[in-house]
Amino acid sequence: MLASLSEISKDIKALLAMLKDSTRKQGEADEKAYGQLVNIAHKR
């Protein structure tokens, strides 16, 4: 049972790391899109 809990803990840690990375990348994409919209708005 302890081995199972250890594996579950490792899986949760891996999932959290993936979620953190995904959230960071989405934030970067959002910032880039916002910057592009600002550039478009200034050109008009």
PDB file of N, CA and C in Angstrom:
ATOM      1  N   MET A   1       0.826  -1.208   0.000  1.00  0.00           N
ATOM      2  CA  MET A   1       0.000   0.000   0.000  1.00  0.00           C
ATOM      3  C   MET A   1       0.864   1.265   0.000  1.00  0.00           C
ATOM      4  N   LEU A   2       1.936   1.254   0.771  1.00  0.00           N
ATOM      5  CA  LEU A   2       2.819   2.423   0.786  1.00  0.00           C
ATOM      6  C   LEU A   2       3.432   2.672  -0.586  1.00  0.00           C
ATOM      7  N   ALA A   3       3.736   1.602  -1.295  1.00  0.00           N
ATOM      8  CA  ALA A   3       4.287   1.749  -2.639  1.00  0.00           C
ATOM      9  C   ALA A   3       3.260   2.426  -3.543  1.00  0.00           C
ATOM     10  N   SER A   4       1.993   2.044  -3.401  1.00  0.00           N
ATOM     11  CA  SER A   4       0.928   2.649  -4.203  1.00  0.00           C
ATOM     12  C   SER A   4       0.804   4.139  -3.898  1.00  0.00           C
ATOM     13  N   LEU A   5       0.847   4.480  -2.631  1.00  0.00           N
ATOM     14  CA  LEU A   5       0.751   5.886  -2.243  1.00  0.00           C
ATOM     15  C   LEU A   5       1.940   6.677  -2.772  1.00  0.00           C
ATOM     16  N   SER A   6       3.102   6.060  -2.750  1.00  0.00           N
ATOM     17  CA  SER A   6       4.294   6.720  -3.263  1.00  0.00           C
ATOM     18  C   SER A   6       4.154   6.974  -4.761  1.00  0.00           C
ATOM     19  N   GLU A   7       3.649   6.007  -5.487  1.00  0.00           N
ATOM     20  CA  GLU A   7       3.445   6.169  -6.934  1.00  0.00           C
ATOM     21  C   GLU A   7       2.398   7.239  -7.213  1.00  0.00           C
ATOM     22  N   ILE A   8       1.328   7.244  -6.448  1.00  0.00           N
ATOM     23  CA  ILE A   8       0.280   8.257  -6.616  1.00  0.00           C
ATOM     24  C   ILE A   8       0.861   9.641  -6.354  1.00  0.00           C
ATOM     25  N   SER A   9       1.678   9.753  -5.316  1.00  0.00           N
ATOM     26  CA  SER A   9       2.310  11.023  -4.985  1.00  0.00           C
ATOM     27  C   SER A   9       3.197  11.497  -6.134  1.00  0.00           C
ATOM     28  N   LYS A  10       3.972  10.588  -6.709  1.00  0.00           N
ATOM     29  CA  LYS A  10       4.832  10.939  -7.846  1.00  0.00           C
ATOM     30  C   LYS A  10       3.992  11.397  -9.034  1.00  0.00           C
ATOM     31  N   ASP A  11       2.885  10.687  -9.287  1.00  0.00           N
ATOM     32  CA  ASP A  11       2.005  11.058 -10.402  1.00  0.00           C
ATOM     33  C   ASP A  11       1.401  12.444 -10.187  1.00  0.00           C
ATOM     34  N   ILE A  12       0.982  12.719  -8.962  1.00  0.00           N
ATOM     35  CA  ILE A  12       0.392  14.028  -8.654  1.00  0.00           C
ATOM     36  C   ILE A  12       1.436  15.123  -8.831  1.00  0.00           C
ATOM     37  N   LYS A  13       2.642  14.881  -8.363  1.00  0.00           N
ATOM     38  CA  LYS A  13       3.710  15.871  -8.527  1.00  0.00           C
ATOM     39  C   LYS A  13       3.988  16.124 -10.004  1.00  0.00           C
ATOM     40  N   ALA A  14       4.000  15.060 -10.810  1.00  0.00           N
ATOM     41  CA  ALA A  14       4.244  15.217 -12.247  1.00  0.00           C
ATOM     42  C   ALA A  14       3.111  16.006 -12.895  1.00  0.00           C
ATOM     43  N   LEU A  15       1.875  15.703 -12.519  1.00  0.00           N
ATOM     44  CA  LEU A  15       0.730  16.429 -13.067  1.00  0.00           C
ATOM     45  C   LEU A  15       0.766  17.901 -12.685  1.00  0.00           C
ATOM     46  N   LEU A  16       1.126  18.195 -11.450  1.00  0.00           N
ATOM     47  CA  LEU A  16       1.226  19.586 -11.009  1.00  0.00           C
ATOM     48  C   LEU A  16       2.325  20.330 -11.760  1.00  0.00           C
ATOM     49  N   ALA A  17       3.429  19.655 -12.014  1.00  0.00           N
ATOM     50  CA  ALA A  17       4.517  20.284 -12.779  1.00  0.00           C
ATOM     51  C   ALA A  17       4.051  20.589 -14.203  1.00  0.00           C
ATOM     52  N   MET A  18       3.321  19.650 -14.803  1.00  0.00           N
ATOM     53  CA  MET A  18       2.798  19.867 -16.155  1.00  0.00           C
ATOM     54  C   MET A  18       1.791  21.004 -16.168  1.00  0.00           C
ATOM     55  N   LEU A  19       0.939  21.070 -15.163  1.00  0.00           N
ATOM     56  CA  LEU A  19      -0.056  22.135 -15.067  1.00  0.00           C
ATOM     57  C   LEU A  19       0.627  23.492 -14.915  1.00  0.00           C
ATOM     58  N   LYS A  20       1.639  23.551 -14.077  1.00  0.00           N
ATOM     59  CA  LYS A  20       2.377  24.797 -13.871  1.00  0.00           C
ATOM     60  C   LYS A  20       3.012  25.263 -15.176  1.00  0.00           C
ATOM     61  N   ASP A  21       3.630  24.339 -15.912  1.00  0.00           N
ATOM     62  CA  ASP A  21       4.267  24.676 -17.183  1.00  0.00           C
ATOM     63  C   ASP A  21       3.233  25.135 -18.204  1.00  0.00           C
ATOM     64  N   SER A  22       2.116  24.425 -18.257  1.00  0.00           N
ATOM     65  CA  SER A  22       1.048  24.787 -19.192  1.00  0.00           C
ATOM     66  C   SER A  22       0.489  26.173 -18.874  1.00  0.00           C
ATOM     67  N   THR A  23       0.307  26.457 -17.603  1.00  0.00           N
ATOM     68  CA  THR A  23      -0.205  27.762 -17.180  1.00  0.00           C
ATOM     69  C   THR A  23       0.773  28.873 -17.546  1.00  0.00           C
ATOM     70  N   ARG A  24       2.054  28.609 -17.359  1.00  0.00           N
ATOM     71  CA  ARG A  24       3.087  29.600 -17.709  1.00  0.00           C
ATOM     72  C   ARG A  24       3.071  29.871 -19.212  1.00  0.00           C
ATOM     73  N   LYS A  25       3.002  28.803 -19.999  1.00  0.00           N
ATOM     74  CA  LYS A  25       2.987  28.967 -21.456  1.00  0.00           C
ATOM     75  C   LYS A  25       1.738  29.707 -21.921  1.00  0.00           C
ATOM     76  N   GLN A  26       0.598  29.419 -21.297  1.00  0.00           N
ATOM     77  CA  GLN A  26      -0.635  30.121 -21.668  1.00  0.00           C
ATOM     78  C   GLN A  26      -0.521  31.595 -21.327  1.00  0.00           C
ATOM     79  N   GLY A  27       0.081  31.911 -20.188  1.00  0.00           N
ATOM     80  CA  GLY A  27       0.293  33.305 -19.809  1.00  0.00           C
ATOM     81  C   GLY A  27       1.172  34.025 -20.813  1.00  0.00           C
ATOM     82  N   GLU A  28       2.223  33.358 -21.258  1.00  0.00           N
ATOM     83  CA  GLU A  28       3.108  33.954 -22.262  1.00  0.00           C
ATOM     84  C   GLU A  28       2.367  34.177 -23.576  1.00  0.00           C
ATOM     85  N   ALA A  29       1.532  33.219 -23.965  1.00  0.00           N
ATOM     86  CA  ALA A  29       0.756  33.354 -25.200  1.00  0.00           C
ATOM     87  C   ALA A  29      -0.241  34.504 -25.080  1.00  0.00           C
ATOM     88  N   ASP A  30      -0.865  34.625 -23.915  1.00  0.00           N
ATOM     89  CA  ASP A  30      -1.815  35.716 -23.685  1.00  0.00           C
ATOM     90  C   ASP A  30      -1.120  37.072 -23.793  1.00  0.00           C
ATOM     91  N   GLU A  31       0.065  37.182 -23.196  1.00  0.00           N
ATOM     92  CA  GLU A  31       0.819  38.442 -23.253  1.00  0.00           C
ATOM     93  C   GLU A  31       1.202  38.780 -24.690  1.00  0.00           C
ATOM     94  N   LYS A  32       1.620  37.782 -25.442  1.00  0.00           N
ATOM     95  CA  LYS A  32       2.003  38.008 -26.841  1.00  0.00           C
ATOM     96  C   LYS A  32       0.785  38.465 -27.655  1.00  0.00           C
ATOM     97  N   ALA A  33      -0.352  37.813 -27.463  1.00  0.00           N
ATOM     98  CA  ALA A  33      -1.572  38.187 -28.193  1.00  0.00           C
ATOM     99  C   ALA A  33      -1.992  39.609 -27.835  1.00  0.00           C
ATOM    100  N   TYR A  34      -1.917  39.943 -26.560  1.00  0.00           N
ATOM    101  CA  TYR A  34      -2.265  41.298 -26.127  1.00  0.00           C
ATOM    102  C   TYR A  34      -1.343  42.322 -26.789  1.00  0.00           C
ATOM    103  N   GLY A  35      -0.045  42.021 -26.802  1.00  0.00           N
ATOM    104  CA  GLY A  35       0.916  42.929 -27.430  1.00  0.00           C
ATOM    105  C   GLY A  35       0.626  43.119 -28.911  1.00  0.00           C
ATOM    106  N   GLN A  36       0.244  42.050 -29.581  1.00  0.00           N
ATOM    107  CA  GLN A  36      -0.090  42.153 -31.004  1.00  0.00           C
ATOM    108  C   GLN A  36      -1.333  43.013 -31.216  1.00  0.00           C
ATOM    109  N   LEU A  37      -2.325  42.843 -30.349  1.00  0.00           N
ATOM    110  CA  LEU A  37      -3.534  43.664 -30.455  1.00  0.00           C
ATOM    111  C   LEU A  37      -3.219  45.146 -30.226  1.00  0.00           C
ATOM    112  N   VAL A  38      -2.352  45.417 -29.266  1.00  0.00           N
ATOM    113  CA  VAL A  38      -1.952  46.805 -29.001  1.00  0.00           C
ATOM    114  C   VAL A  38      -1.249  47.378 -30.222  1.00  0.00           C
ATOM    115  N   ASN A  39      -0.378  46.603 -30.835  1.00  0.00           N
ATOM    116  CA  ASN A  39       0.329  47.065 -32.032  1.00  0.00           C
ATOM    117  C   ASN A  39      -0.645  47.351 -33.168  1.00  0.00           C
ATOM    118  N   ILE A  40      -1.618  46.491 -33.363  1.00  0.00           N
ATOM    119  CA  ILE A  40      -2.613  46.685 -34.407  1.00  0.00           C
ATOM    120  C   ILE A  40      -3.413  47.975 -34.137  1.00  0.00           C
ATOM    121  N   ALA A  41      -3.794  48.148 -32.876  1.00  0.00           N
ATOM    122  CA  ALA A  41      -4.592  49.327 -32.502  1.00  0.00           C
ATOM    123  C   ALA A  41      -3.810  50.622 -32.750  1.00  0.00           C
ATOM    124  N   HIS A  42      -2.521  50.605 -32.493  1.00  0.00           N
ATOM    125  CA  HIS A  42      -1.703  51.807 -32.676  1.00  0.00           C
ATOM    126  C   HIS A  42      -1.453  52.131 -34.150  1.00  0.00           C
ATOM    127  N   LYS A  43      -1.527  51.126 -35.005  1.00  0.00           N
ATOM    128  CA  LYS A  43      -1.284  51.340 -36.435  1.00  0.00           C
ATOM    129  C   LYS A  43      -2.488  51.947 -37.138  1.00  0.00           C
ATOM    130  N   ARG A  44      -3.643  51.901 -36.527  1.00  0.00           N
ATOM    131  CA  ARG A  44      -4.865  52.415 -37.175  1.00  0.00           C
ATOM    132  C   ARG A  44      -5.059  53.875 -36.916  1.00  0.00           C
TER     133      ARG A  44
END
